[in-house]
Amino acid sequence: MVRAVRGAIVAHENTERAIFEATQTLLRAIVEKNQLSVDSVVSVFITATADLNAAFPAYAAREMGWDRIPMLCAQEIQVPGSMARVIRVLIHLNLDEGAGALRHQYLGETRKLRPDLSEAKE
């Protein structure tokens, strides 16, 4: 059964290092909170706001060993007044039908983007 999990994080600056750190932090949180195996990942769609252009977030995932997973990076729509330096992911998963509810991970400031999906205590 194919399912999907979402998440977002803010990179503290527009550098390769900051983009890689933020992307890897987000992906690790999604994997850990959902007790996922990387083998269950079908594909990953990643967006970044226009102010993040120093690196492709997908490269950060590949550095984590996600090198055989299809990934696509895109630029987020530029909406006036929207949150800056945001990396968002949509991860498609192949899970058993009995798998429990997925825990979306909106970290730090991005909890404001989807309070309905954010975990208040984290």
N, C-alpha and C. Protein backbone atom coordinates (compact mmCIF):
# COMPACT_ATOMS: atom_id res chain seq x y z
N MET A 1 0.85 -1.16 0.00
CA MET A 1 0.00 0.00 0.00
C MET A 1 0.90 1.24 0.00
N VAL A 2 0.68 2.14 -0.94
CA VAL A 2 1.48 3.37 -1.01
C VAL A 2 0.83 4.44 -0.15
N ARG A 3 1.64 5.04 0.71
CA ARG A 3 1.19 6.13 1.58
C ARG A 3 2.21 7.24 1.49
N ALA A 4 1.90 8.37 2.11
CA ALA A 4 2.83 9.51 2.04
C ALA A 4 2.92 10.21 3.38
N VAL A 5 4.10 10.76 3.65
CA VAL A 5 4.34 11.52 4.87
C VAL A 5 4.96 12.85 4.47
N ARG A 6 4.58 13.89 5.21
CA ARG A 6 5.04 15.25 4.91
C ARG A 6 5.93 15.76 6.01
N GLY A 7 6.66 16.84 5.68
CA GLY A 7 7.46 17.51 6.68
C GLY A 7 8.07 18.78 6.13
N ALA A 8 8.54 19.62 7.05
CA ALA A 8 9.18 20.88 6.67
C ALA A 8 10.14 21.31 7.76
N ILE A 9 11.10 22.14 7.34
CA ILE A 9 12.10 22.67 8.25
C ILE A 9 12.65 23.97 7.66
N VAL A 10 13.17 24.83 8.51
CA VAL A 10 13.81 26.07 8.05
C VAL A 10 15.32 25.87 8.10
N ALA A 11 15.99 26.23 7.00
CA ALA A 11 17.46 26.27 6.98
C ALA A 11 17.88 27.63 7.52
N HIS A 12 18.86 27.67 8.39
CA HIS A 12 19.20 28.94 9.05
C HIS A 12 19.87 29.94 8.12
N GLU A 13 20.42 29.48 6.98
CA GLU A 13 20.98 30.40 6.00
C GLU A 13 21.07 29.70 4.65
N ASN A 14 21.34 30.47 3.61
CA ASN A 14 21.43 29.94 2.26
C ASN A 14 22.87 29.52 1.94
N THR A 15 23.28 28.42 2.57
CA THR A 15 24.58 27.82 2.27
C THR A 15 24.37 26.33 2.05
N GLU A 16 25.32 25.73 1.35
CA GLU A 16 25.22 24.28 1.14
C GLU A 16 25.14 23.55 2.47
N ARG A 17 25.98 23.92 3.40
CA ARG A 17 26.00 23.25 4.71
C ARG A 17 24.67 23.37 5.43
N ALA A 18 24.10 24.57 5.46
CA ALA A 18 22.83 24.77 6.17
C ALA A 18 21.69 24.00 5.50
N ILE A 19 21.68 23.99 4.17
CA ILE A 19 20.65 23.25 3.45
C ILE A 19 20.80 21.76 3.69
N PHE A 20 22.03 21.24 3.65
CA PHE A 20 22.26 19.82 3.91
C PHE A 20 21.87 19.45 5.34
N GLU A 21 22.29 20.26 6.31
CA GLU A 21 21.96 19.96 7.72
C GLU A 21 20.46 19.95 7.95
N ALA A 22 19.77 20.94 7.42
CA ALA A 22 18.32 21.02 7.61
C ALA A 22 17.63 19.83 6.95
N THR A 23 18.00 19.53 5.72
CA THR A 23 17.38 18.42 4.99
C THR A 23 17.61 17.10 5.73
N GLN A 24 18.83 16.84 6.15
CA GLN A 24 19.12 15.59 6.84
C GLN A 24 18.43 15.51 8.19
N THR A 25 18.34 16.62 8.90
CA THR A 25 17.62 16.64 10.19
C THR A 25 16.16 16.28 9.97
N LEU A 26 15.55 16.85 8.95
CA LEU A 26 14.14 16.58 8.66
C LEU A 26 13.93 15.12 8.26
N LEU A 27 14.75 14.61 7.36
CA LEU A 27 14.59 13.22 6.92
C LEU A 27 14.81 12.24 8.06
N ARG A 28 15.81 12.50 8.89
CA ARG A 28 16.05 11.61 10.05
C ARG A 28 14.86 11.63 11.01
N ALA A 29 14.29 12.80 11.24
CA ALA A 29 13.13 12.90 12.14
C ALA A 29 11.95 12.10 11.58
N ILE A 30 11.71 12.20 10.29
CA ILE A 30 10.60 11.46 9.68
C ILE A 30 10.83 9.96 9.80
N VAL A 31 12.05 9.51 9.51
CA VAL A 31 12.37 8.08 9.61
C VAL A 31 12.25 7.59 11.05
N GLU A 32 12.82 8.33 12.00
CA GLU A 32 12.80 7.91 13.40
C GLU A 32 11.39 7.92 14.00
N LYS A 33 10.65 9.00 13.80
CA LYS A 33 9.32 9.12 14.40
C LYS A 33 8.34 8.10 13.84
N ASN A 34 8.59 7.66 12.61
CA ASN A 34 7.69 6.71 11.98
C ASN A 34 8.26 5.30 11.93
N GLN A 35 9.44 5.11 12.51
CA GLN A 35 10.12 3.81 12.53
C GLN A 35 10.14 3.20 11.13
N LEU A 36 10.61 4.01 10.17
CA LEU A 36 10.64 3.59 8.77
C LEU A 36 11.97 2.96 8.40
N SER A 37 11.91 2.10 7.44
CA SER A 37 13.11 1.58 6.79
C SER A 37 13.28 2.37 5.50
N VAL A 38 14.49 2.74 5.18
CA VAL A 38 14.73 3.46 3.93
C VAL A 38 14.27 2.61 2.75
N ASP A 39 14.26 1.30 2.90
CA ASP A 39 13.79 0.41 1.83
C ASP A 39 12.31 0.61 1.52
N SER A 40 11.56 1.19 2.44
CA SER A 40 10.13 1.43 2.21
C SER A 40 9.86 2.71 1.43
N VAL A 41 10.90 3.54 1.23
CA VAL A 41 10.73 4.80 0.52
C VAL A 41 10.65 4.54 -0.99
N VAL A 42 9.56 5.00 -1.60
CA VAL A 42 9.34 4.83 -3.03
C VAL A 42 9.94 6.00 -3.80
N SER A 43 9.64 7.23 -3.34
CA SER A 43 10.16 8.43 -3.98
C SER A 43 10.03 9.61 -3.02
N VAL A 44 10.77 10.67 -3.33
CA VAL A 44 10.76 11.86 -2.48
C VAL A 44 10.63 13.10 -3.37
N PHE A 45 9.69 13.95 -3.03
CA PHE A 45 9.52 15.24 -3.70
C PHE A 45 9.92 16.30 -2.69
N ILE A 46 10.88 17.14 -3.07
CA ILE A 46 11.42 18.16 -2.16
C ILE A 46 11.24 19.53 -2.80
N THR A 47 10.74 20.47 -2.01
CA THR A 47 10.70 21.85 -2.48
C THR A 47 11.49 22.72 -1.53
N ALA A 48 11.95 23.84 -2.07
CA ALA A 48 12.66 24.84 -1.27
C ALA A 48 12.16 26.22 -1.71
N THR A 49 12.11 27.13 -0.77
CA THR A 49 11.72 28.49 -1.13
C THR A 49 12.83 29.10 -1.99
N ALA A 50 12.47 30.15 -2.74
CA ALA A 50 13.39 30.74 -3.72
C ALA A 50 14.67 31.28 -3.11
N ASP A 51 14.64 31.57 -1.81
CA ASP A 51 15.83 32.11 -1.15
C ASP A 51 16.83 31.03 -0.78
N LEU A 52 16.53 29.77 -1.08
CA LEU A 52 17.48 28.66 -0.85
C LEU A 52 17.90 28.11 -2.21
N ASN A 53 19.07 28.54 -2.66
CA ASN A 53 19.55 28.08 -3.96
C ASN A 53 21.03 27.72 -3.97
N ALA A 54 21.61 27.55 -2.78
CA ALA A 54 23.03 27.23 -2.69
C ALA A 54 23.33 25.75 -2.91
N ALA A 55 22.31 24.91 -2.84
CA ALA A 55 22.50 23.46 -3.02
C ALA A 55 21.16 22.78 -3.26
N PHE A 56 21.23 21.60 -3.87
CA PHE A 56 20.03 20.78 -4.03
C PHE A 56 19.83 19.96 -2.76
N PRO A 57 18.67 20.06 -2.11
CA PRO A 57 18.41 19.25 -0.92
C PRO A 57 18.52 17.74 -1.19
N ALA A 58 18.23 17.32 -2.40
CA ALA A 58 18.32 15.89 -2.72
C ALA A 58 19.74 15.36 -2.54
N TYR A 59 20.74 16.19 -2.78
CA TYR A 59 22.12 15.75 -2.56
C TYR A 59 22.35 15.38 -1.09
N ALA A 60 21.72 16.12 -0.20
CA ALA A 60 21.85 15.81 1.23
C ALA A 60 21.27 14.44 1.54
N ALA A 61 20.15 14.13 0.92
CA ALA A 61 19.54 12.81 1.12
C ALA A 61 20.43 11.71 0.56
N ARG A 62 21.02 11.97 -0.58
CA ARG A 62 21.92 10.96 -1.18
C ARG A 62 23.12 10.70 -0.29
N GLU A 63 23.61 11.75 0.37
CA GLU A 63 24.74 11.57 1.30
C GLU A 63 24.36 10.66 2.47
N MET A 64 23.07 10.56 2.77
CA MET A 64 22.59 9.71 3.86
C MET A 64 22.39 8.26 3.41
N GLY A 65 22.70 7.98 2.14
CA GLY A 65 22.50 6.63 1.63
C GLY A 65 21.20 6.46 0.85
N TRP A 66 20.50 7.53 0.59
CA TRP A 66 19.25 7.48 -0.18
C TRP A 66 19.56 7.61 -1.67
N ASP A 67 20.63 6.98 -2.12
CA ASP A 67 21.11 7.16 -3.48
C ASP A 67 20.38 6.34 -4.53
N ARG A 68 19.52 5.43 -4.14
CA ARG A 68 18.78 4.62 -5.11
C ARG A 68 17.29 4.98 -5.12
N ILE A 69 16.95 6.07 -4.45
CA ILE A 69 15.56 6.51 -4.36
C ILE A 69 15.34 7.66 -5.35
N PRO A 70 14.32 7.56 -6.20
CA PRO A 70 14.04 8.68 -7.09
C PRO A 70 13.64 9.92 -6.28
N MET A 71 14.27 11.05 -6.61
CA MET A 71 13.98 12.31 -5.92
C MET A 71 13.85 13.42 -6.94
N LEU A 72 13.05 14.39 -6.59
CA LEU A 72 12.86 15.56 -7.44
C LEU A 72 12.83 16.79 -6.56
N CYS A 73 13.64 17.79 -6.92
CA CYS A 73 13.63 19.07 -6.22
C CYS A 73 12.91 20.09 -7.09
N ALA A 74 12.20 20.99 -6.43
CA ALA A 74 11.49 22.07 -7.13
C ALA A 74 11.49 23.30 -6.26
N GLN A 75 11.23 24.43 -6.90
CA GLN A 75 11.12 25.69 -6.15
C GLN A 75 9.68 25.87 -5.70
N GLU A 76 9.53 26.26 -4.46
CA GLU A 76 8.21 26.53 -3.88
C GLU A 76 7.63 27.79 -4.53
N ILE A 77 6.33 27.89 -4.59
CA ILE A 77 5.66 29.08 -5.11
C ILE A 77 6.03 30.27 -4.23
N GLN A 78 6.34 31.40 -4.87
CA GLN A 78 6.73 32.61 -4.14
C GLN A 78 5.48 33.40 -3.75
N VAL A 79 5.00 33.17 -2.57
CA VAL A 79 3.83 33.88 -2.06
C VAL A 79 4.31 35.02 -1.17
N PRO A 80 3.88 36.25 -1.44
CA PRO A 80 4.31 37.39 -0.61
C PRO A 80 4.00 37.14 0.87
N GLY A 81 5.00 37.41 1.70
CA GLY A 81 4.83 37.26 3.15
C GLY A 81 4.98 35.84 3.67
N SER A 82 5.30 34.89 2.81
CA SER A 82 5.43 33.50 3.28
C SER A 82 6.74 33.31 4.03
N MET A 83 6.82 32.23 4.77
CA MET A 83 7.99 31.92 5.59
C MET A 83 9.22 31.74 4.70
N ALA A 84 10.34 32.26 5.15
CA ALA A 84 11.60 32.21 4.40
C ALA A 84 12.40 30.93 4.71
N ARG A 85 13.25 30.55 3.76
CA ARG A 85 14.24 29.47 3.87
C ARG A 85 13.62 28.13 4.29
N VAL A 86 12.50 27.77 3.71
CA VAL A 86 11.80 26.54 4.08
C VAL A 86 12.09 25.43 3.07
N ILE A 87 12.38 24.26 3.61
CA ILE A 87 12.52 23.03 2.83
C ILE A 87 11.34 22.15 3.21
N ARG A 88 10.61 21.69 2.20
CA ARG A 88 9.46 20.81 2.44
C ARG A 88 9.70 19.48 1.73
N VAL A 89 9.18 18.40 2.31
CA VAL A 89 9.30 17.09 1.66
C VAL A 89 7.94 16.40 1.66
N LEU A 90 7.77 15.61 0.63
CA LEU A 90 6.64 14.68 0.52
C LEU A 90 7.28 13.34 0.17
N ILE A 91 7.19 12.40 1.07
CA ILE A 91 7.84 11.10 0.90
C ILE A 91 6.78 10.04 0.66
N HIS A 92 6.87 9.35 -0.46
CA HIS A 92 5.96 8.26 -0.78
C HIS A 92 6.57 6.97 -0.25
N LEU A 93 5.73 6.20 0.43
CA LEU A 93 6.20 4.99 1.10
C LEU A 93 5.41 3.77 0.66
N ASN A 94 6.05 2.64 0.62
CA ASN A 94 5.39 1.37 0.38
C ASN A 94 5.32 0.66 1.74
N LEU A 95 4.13 0.67 2.35
CA LEU A 95 3.96 0.12 3.69
C LEU A 95 2.94 -1.00 3.71
N ASP A 96 3.05 -1.86 4.70
CA ASP A 96 2.05 -2.90 4.89
C ASP A 96 0.71 -2.26 5.20
N GLU A 97 -0.35 -2.93 4.82
CA GLU A 97 -1.68 -2.40 5.03
C GLU A 97 -1.98 -2.14 6.51
N GLY A 98 -1.37 -2.88 7.40
CA GLY A 98 -1.61 -2.74 8.82
C GLY A 98 -0.78 -1.66 9.50
N ALA A 99 0.01 -0.93 8.73
CA ALA A 99 0.87 0.11 9.32
C ALA A 99 0.01 1.18 9.98
N GLY A 100 0.49 1.69 11.08
CA GLY A 100 -0.25 2.70 11.83
C GLY A 100 -0.25 4.07 11.16
N ALA A 101 -0.78 5.03 11.87
CA ALA A 101 -0.85 6.40 11.37
C ALA A 101 0.56 6.97 11.22
N LEU A 102 0.76 7.72 10.17
CA LEU A 102 2.06 8.36 9.95
C LEU A 102 2.13 9.66 10.74
N ARG A 103 3.33 9.96 11.21
CA ARG A 103 3.58 11.17 12.00
C ARG A 103 4.35 12.16 11.14
N HIS A 104 3.64 13.15 10.62
CA HIS A 104 4.26 14.20 9.82
C HIS A 104 5.17 15.02 10.71
N GLN A 105 6.24 15.56 10.14
CA GLN A 105 7.23 16.28 10.95
C GLN A 105 7.43 17.70 10.44
N TYR A 106 6.80 18.62 11.11
CA TYR A 106 7.00 20.05 10.86
C TYR A 106 7.85 20.55 12.02
N LEU A 107 9.11 20.80 11.75
CA LEU A 107 10.07 21.09 12.81
C LEU A 107 10.27 22.59 13.00
N GLY A 108 10.52 22.98 14.25
CA GLY A 108 10.81 24.37 14.56
C GLY A 108 9.71 25.31 14.11
N GLU A 109 10.11 26.40 13.47
CA GLU A 109 9.16 27.43 13.02
C GLU A 109 8.08 26.90 12.09
N THR A 110 8.38 25.84 11.36
CA THR A 110 7.43 25.36 10.36
C THR A 110 6.18 24.73 10.98
N ARG A 111 6.16 24.54 12.28
CA ARG A 111 4.93 24.06 12.92
C ARG A 111 3.77 25.00 12.63
N LYS A 112 4.08 26.28 12.44
CA LYS A 112 3.05 27.28 12.13
C LYS A 112 2.39 27.00 10.78
N LEU A 113 3.11 26.35 9.87
CA LEU A 113 2.58 26.09 8.53
C LEU A 113 1.44 25.08 8.57
N ARG A 114 1.58 24.07 9.40
CA ARG A 114 0.57 23.01 9.49
C ARG A 114 0.37 22.59 10.94
N PRO A 115 -0.23 23.46 11.75
CA PRO A 115 -0.44 23.10 13.16
C PRO A 115 -1.33 21.86 13.31
N ASP A 116 -2.15 21.59 12.32
CA ASP A 116 -3.01 20.41 12.35
C ASP A 116 -2.22 19.11 12.21
N LEU A 117 -1.01 19.19 11.64
CA LEU A 117 -0.18 18.01 11.46
C LEU A 117 1.03 17.97 12.38
N SER A 118 1.26 19.07 13.11
CA SER A 118 2.45 19.16 13.96
C SER A 118 2.20 18.51 15.32
N GLU A 119 3.28 18.01 15.87
CA GLU A 119 3.21 17.40 17.20
C GLU A 119 3.60 18.48 18.21
N ALA A 120 2.66 18.91 19.02
CA ALA A 120 2.82 20.07 19.91
C ALA A 120 3.99 19.94 20.88
N LYS A 121 4.30 18.77 21.37
CA LYS A 121 5.30 18.59 22.42
C LYS A 121 6.73 18.58 21.90
N GLU A 122 6.93 18.55 20.59
CA GLU A 122 8.29 18.41 20.06
C GLU A 122 8.85 19.71 19.61
